[in-house]
Each structure stands twice: as structure tokens, then as C-alpha cells.
Amino acid sequence: MTRWLDPYLVLLMGTVALAAVLPATGPAATAADASATGAIALLFFLYGARLSTAEALAGLRHWRLHLTILTCTFVLYPLLGLAARPLGDLLLTPELYAGLLFLCLVPSTVQSSIAFTSMARGNVAGAIAAGSFSSLVGVFLTPLLVALLMGGLGGAALSGGLDADALLRIGAQLLLPFLLGQLLRRFIGGFVTRHRAVLSLVDRGSILVVVYAAFSRGMEEDIWARVSWRRLLALGAVEILLLTVMLVITVYGSRRLGFARGDRVAIVFAGSKKSLAAGLPMAGVLFGPQAAMAVLPLMIFHQMQLVVCAVLARRWGREAEPRPAGEGPPPAPGDGSGARRVGPGDGPA
């Protein structure tokens, strides 16, 4: 039972609890915000240093894969978020629905998409390029989608907006460090590649710092007085439905589009996931003091997708392992014979 308990989930919830009990205020809040900005900038700098230019160019040549993942991330997800509006009106507060819609607009993940694609024996290079491209595109596209789709949610929802200053701050925090990492890759790329644990540590540590800073600001706004446990449970149920629909779309859609198994694995994991690391700083810039309410649905969804995708990746990885001699060839699902029904749990193979 303990293997299903993610230690990082405990740390994340502990960080929220710490912000609730000992929020950063005054000069400490300024220091926490500066630390969060620096941690995210360092994370994207390391992403840039890790992705080789040749790998990026090779990824660009596989345009069908990346176009499909970008479509899932920035077209299908926003459409599903808009379609969930009636559920939001019925089950959620306007602020929680705004946060739900915001999570549908953020880029795909990088680290976990790569990890799960590797575990499931999929196209790891494609997942690396797709996650990186999604993050870069999201620097510009997510704020534009927020301005386009969230501007009419009303005064009770999250305030905030898109202006030149917001775009410059997002670019300075995410895009500029990534490009700097690319420029310095010839000097530090080997170190970053050899010490992947460093990137993982920065990845997870930066999220904890940003969560603490955001929820410290949220305590000043008294966010917990505005969210009941019943609303949080309803939010979890809506997000389970959202993730299930996207997994079904990516599994069956990638199959119908004729992608090879490795590419289908990358599409499922990169196309169905949302990035907490990219969403947190964007929310801080776009929503200011109300960022905690904006990222609450994203935090819940992030942990949910990690648990579900870990189960799927382990299963698909075992199915892809070569069988011992004498057991005969493995079955070939997806051969068009219609001999058996294939569900989302059967993997993209």
C-alpha cells in the first residue's frame, strides 16, 4: 500500500499547510516571491541546457507528432474546459471554475512526460521535444488564451489580464532562461545530462517554493474561507472526468491517426498532462494576489495525473517487455481485426 503513497505529494500538501500556519508576510513575502521566480528561471535554464539543438531539430521534423500534442494541449483541452462550464456553474464556485479553465490552458509537462514515456517504452526523444516545444509555445499562447477565454467570466472570478508587461515578465522568467541554457549547452550540457537527479531536484524544489509563495499570498486573501470541502470534492470529481476524457481521446485518437506505438505513448503522456511548473509562475503574473485560487485546481490535477499516468506507464511498460523464450509471440492489439475490445487501460500499443 505504501508504494502508492507519493512522498512528493506529502511534501506538497505539507508546503500548503506550512503556508497556512506560517505564511510569508512583509519582507519575508518579498523574499519568497523572489526565490520562487529564481527557482523557476533556474528550472527552465536547465531544461534549455539539457535539450540538444540536434534533438530539437529532429523533433521539428516529426511535425505530425508535435502538431498532434500541441492540438491536444492548446485546442482540445481548452474546448473541454469551456464545455465543463455547466458543471462549473452547478458544482463549483466561479473562482474554482476559472482555475479549472486556467489549468486547461497551460502547457504540457516536460519531466514527467519523459519519465512516463520512458517507463512505457515509448518515443522518449519525441516526448522531450514535445514537452519543450509545448513550454515554449505556452509562454506566448497561454496568456493569449487566458485573455481570450477568461475575460468574460465576471467580476466574481479571478481578476487579472494580459498586457505587454505580463508578457515580458513571463518571457523573462521562462523563455529567456531556456534560450540562455541553449546558448550555454556546449559548456554545461554534459553535466546536466549526467546529473539528471539535479534537474529533478530543481524541478520539484522549485514547485514547492512557488506553492509556498502563492499560498502565503492566498492566506492574505483568506482563500480557505471561500472554498468548502464539498466544493473541493466536486472539483476533484470534475477533474477526474476531464483527465479520463483526455486519456481516451489521446489513446484512441493517436491510434486512428496511424501513429506507431512509440509515438502513441508520447502523445498519451505529453498530450494529456498539464505543467504545474509552467502554470504556477504564469498564474502569479496573470492573477497576482489571487494566484493561489487559480493554481488550486492545477495542483490537484497535477497529483491526479501523476498517479494515473504512473499506473498506465508501468502496465504498458510490462506489456512491451519481450517475453521469455517458449511463450510465443505477444498479442498484437490494434491490428484492425476487431477480435477484442480495447479500452484506455489496454495502452496505446
Protein backbone atom coordinates (compact mmCIF):
# COMPACT_ATOMS: atom_id res chain seq x y z
CA MET A 1 0.00 0.00 0.00
CA THR A 2 2.86 2.35 0.78
CA ARG A 3 4.16 2.26 -2.79
CA TRP A 4 1.07 4.24 -3.86
CA LEU A 5 1.89 6.99 -1.36
CA ASP A 6 3.90 9.57 -3.27
CA PRO A 7 6.37 11.25 -0.88
CA TYR A 8 6.29 14.34 -3.07
CA LEU A 9 2.52 14.61 -2.60
CA VAL A 10 3.14 14.64 1.16
CA LEU A 11 5.73 17.40 0.70
CA LEU A 12 3.35 19.41 -1.48
CA MET A 13 0.49 19.18 1.00
CA GLY A 14 2.93 19.92 3.81
CA THR A 15 4.01 23.08 1.98
CA VAL A 16 0.39 24.21 1.69
CA ALA A 17 -0.10 23.51 5.41
CA LEU A 18 3.07 25.45 6.24
CA ALA A 19 1.81 28.42 4.24
CA ALA A 20 -1.50 28.20 6.11
CA VAL A 21 0.16 28.13 9.54
CA LEU A 22 3.24 30.27 8.87
CA PRO A 23 2.60 32.37 5.76
CA ALA A 24 5.32 34.66 4.48
CA THR A 25 4.36 38.27 5.11
CA GLY A 26 6.04 41.62 4.64
CA PRO A 27 9.74 41.34 3.71
CA ALA A 28 9.52 37.54 4.01
CA ALA A 29 6.80 37.51 1.33
CA THR A 30 9.01 39.59 -0.96
CA ALA A 31 11.88 37.17 -0.39
CA ALA A 32 9.61 34.16 -1.04
CA ASP A 33 8.37 35.66 -4.31
CA ALA A 34 11.94 36.40 -5.42
CA SER A 35 13.02 32.86 -4.52
CA ALA A 36 10.10 31.40 -6.48
CA THR A 37 10.97 33.50 -9.53
CA GLY A 38 14.62 32.46 -9.34
CA ALA A 39 13.80 28.77 -8.86
CA ILE A 40 11.53 28.64 -11.92
CA ALA A 41 14.08 30.55 -14.02
CA LEU A 42 16.77 28.05 -12.97
CA LEU A 43 14.47 25.16 -13.87
CA PHE A 44 13.87 26.42 -17.42
CA PHE A 45 17.58 27.25 -17.78
CA LEU A 46 18.37 23.58 -17.04
CA TYR A 47 15.67 22.46 -19.49
CA GLY A 48 17.38 24.53 -22.18
CA ALA A 49 20.81 23.16 -21.28
CA ARG A 50 19.52 19.59 -21.48
CA LEU A 51 17.79 19.72 -24.88
CA SER A 52 20.35 19.45 -27.66
CA THR A 53 19.90 21.55 -30.79
CA ALA A 54 20.12 18.41 -32.95
CA GLU A 55 17.41 16.80 -30.82
CA ALA A 56 15.21 19.86 -31.22
CA LEU A 57 15.69 19.95 -34.99
CA ALA A 58 14.98 16.22 -35.22
CA GLY A 59 11.85 16.79 -33.22
CA LEU A 60 10.72 19.55 -35.55
CA ARG A 61 10.98 17.14 -38.48
CA HIS A 62 8.45 14.88 -36.76
CA TRP A 63 5.86 17.58 -37.23
CA ARG A 64 2.78 15.30 -37.11
CA LEU A 65 3.66 14.14 -33.60
CA HIS A 66 4.18 17.64 -32.24
CA LEU A 67 1.20 19.12 -34.03
CA THR A 68 -0.98 16.40 -32.50
CA ILE A 69 0.37 17.03 -28.98
CA LEU A 70 0.03 20.81 -29.35
CA THR A 71 -3.53 20.34 -30.59
CA CYS A 72 -4.35 18.23 -27.53
CA THR A 73 -2.75 20.78 -25.20
CA PHE A 74 -3.96 24.08 -26.63
CA VAL A 75 -7.11 23.17 -28.59
CA LEU A 76 -8.83 20.10 -27.16
CA TYR A 77 -8.13 20.91 -23.51
CA PRO A 78 -9.48 24.49 -23.77
CA LEU A 79 -12.58 23.20 -25.59
CA LEU A 80 -13.16 20.67 -22.81
CA GLY A 81 -12.67 23.40 -20.23
CA LEU A 82 -15.31 25.53 -21.93
CA ALA A 83 -17.63 22.52 -22.23
CA ALA A 84 -17.29 22.00 -18.46
CA ARG A 85 -18.86 25.41 -17.79
CA PRO A 86 -22.31 23.95 -16.92
CA LEU A 87 -20.66 21.59 -14.40
CA GLY A 88 -18.72 24.52 -13.03
CA ASP A 89 -21.86 26.59 -12.54
CA LEU A 90 -23.60 23.65 -10.86
CA LEU A 91 -20.84 22.23 -8.65
CA LEU A 92 -18.06 24.84 -8.31
CA THR A 93 -17.63 28.45 -7.36
CA PRO A 94 -16.84 30.93 -10.15
CA GLU A 95 -13.26 31.16 -8.86
CA LEU A 96 -12.77 27.37 -8.88
CA TYR A 97 -14.17 27.10 -12.38
CA ALA A 98 -11.83 29.89 -13.51
CA GLY A 99 -8.93 27.91 -12.03
CA LEU A 100 -10.20 24.77 -13.79
CA LEU A 101 -10.30 26.62 -17.10
CA PHE A 102 -6.83 28.03 -16.46
CA LEU A 103 -5.37 24.54 -16.00
CA CYS A 104 -6.78 23.64 -19.42
CA LEU A 105 -4.74 26.49 -20.94
CA VAL A 106 -1.27 25.79 -19.52
CA PRO A 107 1.45 23.86 -21.43
CA SER A 108 2.23 20.17 -21.17
CA THR A 109 4.79 18.82 -18.72
CA VAL A 110 8.42 18.07 -19.57
CA GLN A 111 9.95 15.92 -16.84
CA SER A 112 7.06 13.58 -16.03
CA SER A 113 6.06 13.15 -19.69
CA ILE A 114 9.60 12.00 -20.44
CA ALA A 115 9.72 9.73 -17.40
CA PHE A 116 6.39 8.04 -18.13
CA THR A 117 7.13 7.70 -21.85
CA SER A 118 10.43 6.02 -21.00
CA MET A 119 8.75 3.74 -18.45
CA ALA A 120 6.18 2.68 -21.06
CA ARG A 121 8.93 2.16 -23.70
CA GLY A 122 7.70 4.90 -25.98
CA ASN A 123 9.37 7.59 -28.09
CA VAL A 124 11.42 9.37 -25.42
CA ALA A 125 13.11 11.79 -27.85
CA GLY A 126 9.67 12.78 -29.12
CA ALA A 127 8.44 13.36 -25.55
CA ILE A 128 11.49 15.53 -24.77
CA ALA A 129 10.99 17.68 -27.84
CA ALA A 130 7.19 17.82 -27.44
CA GLY A 131 7.35 18.89 -23.79
CA SER A 132 9.96 21.54 -24.54
CA PHE A 133 8.07 22.88 -27.56
CA SER A 134 4.84 22.97 -25.54
CA SER A 135 6.54 25.00 -22.80
CA LEU A 136 7.97 27.47 -25.32
CA VAL A 137 4.69 27.87 -27.20
CA GLY A 138 2.83 28.18 -23.91
CA VAL A 139 4.89 31.21 -22.89
CA PHE A 140 3.02 33.14 -25.59
CA LEU A 141 -0.13 31.10 -26.17
CA THR A 142 -1.29 30.55 -22.58
CA PRO A 143 -1.55 34.28 -21.76
CA LEU A 144 -3.34 34.88 -25.07
CA LEU A 145 -5.82 32.08 -24.34
CA VAL A 146 -6.36 33.45 -20.82
CA ALA A 147 -7.18 36.87 -22.27
CA LEU A 148 -9.45 35.34 -24.93
CA LEU A 149 -11.33 32.75 -22.88
CA MET A 150 -11.26 34.03 -19.31
CA GLY A 151 -12.02 37.70 -19.86
CA GLY A 152 -15.78 37.20 -19.68
CA LEU A 153 -16.01 35.12 -16.52
CA GLY A 154 -17.21 38.05 -14.48
CA GLY A 155 -16.02 40.01 -11.53
CA ALA A 156 -16.57 37.15 -9.09
CA ALA A 157 -13.98 35.08 -10.90
CA LEU A 158 -10.26 35.58 -10.96
CA SER A 159 -9.19 39.03 -11.94
CA GLY A 160 -6.12 39.60 -13.99
CA GLY A 161 -5.31 40.16 -17.58
CA LEU A 162 -2.83 40.23 -20.40
CA ASP A 163 -0.73 43.25 -21.15
CA ALA A 164 2.74 43.89 -22.51
CA ASP A 165 4.22 43.92 -19.01
CA ALA A 166 2.73 40.49 -18.23
CA LEU A 167 4.14 39.02 -21.45
CA LEU A 168 7.56 40.49 -20.74
CA ARG A 169 7.62 39.08 -17.21
CA ILE A 170 6.56 35.62 -18.38
CA GLY A 171 9.14 35.69 -21.15
CA ALA A 172 11.86 36.84 -18.76
CA GLN A 173 11.02 34.10 -16.27
CA LEU A 174 10.53 31.18 -18.68
CA LEU A 175 11.68 31.80 -22.24
CA LEU A 176 14.85 33.82 -21.61
CA PRO A 177 16.38 31.26 -19.19
CA PHE A 178 15.55 28.44 -21.63
CA LEU A 179 17.29 30.24 -24.50
CA LEU A 180 20.26 31.04 -22.25
CA GLY A 181 20.50 27.35 -21.38
CA GLN A 182 20.54 26.53 -25.10
CA LEU A 183 23.36 29.03 -25.69
CA LEU A 184 25.46 27.60 -22.82
CA ARG A 185 24.65 23.97 -23.55
CA ARG A 186 28.04 23.31 -25.15
CA PHE A 187 29.68 24.14 -21.81
CA ILE A 188 27.26 22.65 -19.26
CA GLY A 189 25.04 20.30 -21.27
CA GLY A 190 27.12 17.25 -20.46
CA PHE A 191 26.98 17.96 -16.73
CA VAL A 192 23.19 18.42 -16.79
CA THR A 193 22.69 15.24 -18.81
CA ARG A 194 24.93 13.20 -16.49
CA HIS A 195 23.33 14.58 -13.34
CA ARG A 196 19.64 14.25 -14.10
CA ALA A 197 18.93 13.99 -10.39
CA VAL A 198 19.91 17.67 -10.17
CA LEU A 199 17.24 18.62 -12.70
CA SER A 200 14.67 16.52 -10.84
CA LEU A 201 15.62 18.16 -7.55
CA VAL A 202 15.32 21.66 -9.03
CA ASP A 203 12.04 20.68 -10.71
CA ARG A 204 10.38 19.51 -7.52
CA GLY A 205 12.04 22.03 -5.25
CA SER A 206 11.03 24.99 -7.41
CA ILE A 207 7.40 23.90 -7.35
CA LEU A 208 7.46 23.71 -3.55
CA VAL A 209 8.90 27.22 -3.32
CA VAL A 210 6.31 28.63 -5.75
CA VAL A 211 3.45 26.84 -3.96
CA TYR A 212 4.56 28.29 -0.62
CA ALA A 213 4.78 31.81 -2.04
CA ALA A 214 1.40 31.55 -3.81
CA PHE A 215 -0.47 30.15 -0.82
CA SER A 216 1.16 32.65 1.51
CA ARG A 217 -0.39 35.35 -0.64
CA GLY A 218 -3.60 33.34 -0.65
CA MET A 219 -3.73 33.39 3.14
CA GLU A 220 -3.77 37.17 2.99
CA GLU A 221 -6.76 36.87 0.65
CA ASP A 222 -8.39 34.31 3.03
CA ILE A 223 -8.92 31.76 0.22
CA TRP A 224 -9.88 28.87 2.53
CA ALA A 225 -12.89 30.79 3.77
CA ARG A 226 -14.13 30.83 0.18
CA VAL A 227 -13.72 27.09 -0.55
CA SER A 228 -15.66 24.35 1.25
CA TRP A 229 -14.70 20.66 1.36
CA ARG A 230 -17.82 19.90 -0.66
CA ARG A 231 -16.60 22.20 -3.43
CA LEU A 232 -13.14 20.63 -3.33
CA LEU A 233 -14.61 17.14 -3.66
CA ALA A 234 -16.75 18.34 -6.58
CA LEU A 235 -13.64 19.85 -8.17
CA GLY A 236 -11.84 16.52 -7.83
CA ALA A 237 -14.73 14.69 -9.50
CA VAL A 238 -14.81 17.14 -12.42
CA GLU A 239 -11.04 16.81 -12.87
CA ILE A 240 -11.24 13.01 -12.85
CA LEU A 241 -13.77 13.28 -15.66
CA LEU A 242 -11.56 15.75 -17.55
CA LEU A 243 -8.47 13.53 -17.31
CA THR A 244 -10.42 10.42 -18.30
CA VAL A 245 -11.81 12.11 -21.41
CA MET A 246 -8.35 13.33 -22.48
CA LEU A 247 -6.78 9.90 -21.94
CA VAL A 248 -9.49 8.29 -24.05
CA ILE A 249 -9.04 10.90 -26.78
CA THR A 250 -5.25 10.54 -26.90
CA VAL A 251 -5.31 6.72 -26.79
CA TYR A 252 -7.94 6.24 -29.49
CA GLY A 253 -7.12 9.38 -31.49
CA SER A 254 -3.42 8.56 -31.88
CA ARG A 255 -4.38 5.06 -32.98
CA ARG A 256 -6.85 6.34 -35.57
CA LEU A 257 -4.25 8.80 -36.90
CA GLY A 258 -1.92 5.89 -37.65
CA PHE A 259 0.98 6.67 -35.33
CA ALA A 260 3.49 3.96 -34.39
CA ARG A 261 3.36 2.59 -30.86
CA GLY A 262 6.26 4.70 -29.53
CA ASP A 263 4.67 7.89 -30.83
CA ARG A 264 1.28 6.90 -29.42
CA VAL A 265 2.81 6.53 -25.97
CA ALA A 266 4.38 10.01 -26.24
CA ILE A 267 1.07 11.50 -27.40
CA VAL A 268 -0.84 9.98 -24.48
CA PHE A 269 1.58 11.21 -21.81
CA ALA A 270 2.55 14.57 -23.31
CA GLY A 271 -0.92 15.32 -24.70
CA SER A 272 -2.94 14.53 -21.57
CA LYS A 273 -0.76 16.22 -18.91
CA LYS A 274 -0.50 19.76 -17.65
CA SER A 275 2.55 21.50 -16.22
CA LEU A 276 2.48 22.78 -12.67
CA ALA A 277 6.00 24.22 -13.10
CA ALA A 278 4.89 26.40 -16.04
CA GLY A 279 1.39 27.15 -14.75
CA LEU A 280 2.46 28.44 -11.33
CA PRO A 281 4.63 31.38 -12.45
CA MET A 282 2.15 32.31 -15.19
CA ALA A 283 -0.67 32.40 -12.64
CA GLY A 284 1.43 34.58 -10.37
CA VAL A 285 1.95 37.09 -13.17
CA LEU A 286 -1.58 36.97 -14.60
CA PHE A 287 -3.65 36.80 -11.40
CA GLY A 288 -1.47 38.46 -8.78
CA PRO A 289 -2.78 38.08 -5.21
CA GLN A 290 -5.47 35.64 -6.37
CA ALA A 291 -2.95 33.21 -7.88
CA ALA A 292 -3.49 30.69 -5.07
CA MET A 293 -7.11 30.18 -6.11
CA ALA A 294 -6.04 29.93 -9.76
CA VAL A 295 -3.48 27.19 -9.12
CA LEU A 296 -5.51 25.15 -6.62
CA PRO A 297 -7.28 23.15 -9.39
CA LEU A 298 -3.94 22.76 -11.21
CA MET A 299 -2.25 21.41 -8.07
CA ILE A 300 -4.98 18.82 -7.54
CA PHE A 301 -4.94 17.84 -11.23
CA HIS A 302 -1.14 17.58 -11.23
CA GLN A 303 -1.10 14.97 -8.49
CA MET A 304 -4.04 13.11 -10.03
CA GLN A 305 -2.36 12.85 -13.43
CA LEU A 306 0.88 11.62 -11.86
CA VAL A 307 -0.87 8.74 -10.07
CA VAL A 308 -2.98 7.69 -13.06
CA CYS A 309 -0.17 8.00 -15.62
CA ALA A 310 2.26 6.11 -13.38
CA VAL A 311 -0.14 3.16 -13.28
CA LEU A 312 -0.62 3.26 -17.05
CA ALA A 313 3.11 3.62 -17.76
CA ARG A 314 4.01 0.65 -15.57
CA ARG A 315 1.35 -1.51 -17.23
CA TRP A 316 2.29 -0.55 -20.78
CA GLY A 317 5.97 -0.98 -20.00
CA ARG A 318 5.38 -4.54 -18.79
CA GLU A 319 3.31 -5.30 -21.88
CA ALA A 320 6.14 -4.06 -24.11
CA GLU A 321 8.79 -6.22 -22.47
CA PRO A 322 9.97 -9.15 -24.61
CA ARG A 323 8.54 -12.47 -23.47
CA PRO A 324 10.76 -15.37 -22.35
CA ALA A 325 11.60 -17.98 -24.97
CA GLY A 326 8.92 -20.61 -25.39
CA GLU A 327 5.97 -18.36 -24.52
CA GLY A 328 5.26 -17.48 -28.12
CA PRO A 329 4.82 -14.04 -29.64
CA PRO A 330 2.87 -11.39 -27.72
CA PRO A 331 -0.62 -10.49 -28.95
CA ALA A 332 -0.83 -7.66 -31.43
CA PRO A 333 -3.62 -5.34 -30.33
CA GLY A 334 -4.68 -2.64 -32.73
CA ASP A 335 -4.22 -4.85 -35.79
CA GLY A 336 -7.65 -3.90 -37.07
CA SER A 337 -9.12 -7.36 -36.63
CA GLY A 338 -11.66 -6.26 -34.06
CA ALA A 339 -11.05 -9.53 -32.21
CA ARG A 340 -11.15 -7.86 -28.87
CA ARG A 341 -12.32 -4.59 -27.42
CA VAL A 342 -9.57 -2.18 -26.44
CA GLY A 343 -10.05 0.26 -23.58
CA PRO A 344 -7.88 3.08 -22.24
CA GLY A 345 -6.25 0.67 -19.80
CA ASP A 346 -5.07 -1.51 -22.66
CA GLY A 347 -2.49 1.04 -23.66
CA PRO A 348 -1.71 2.68 -26.96
CA ALA A 349 0.11 -0.31 -28.38
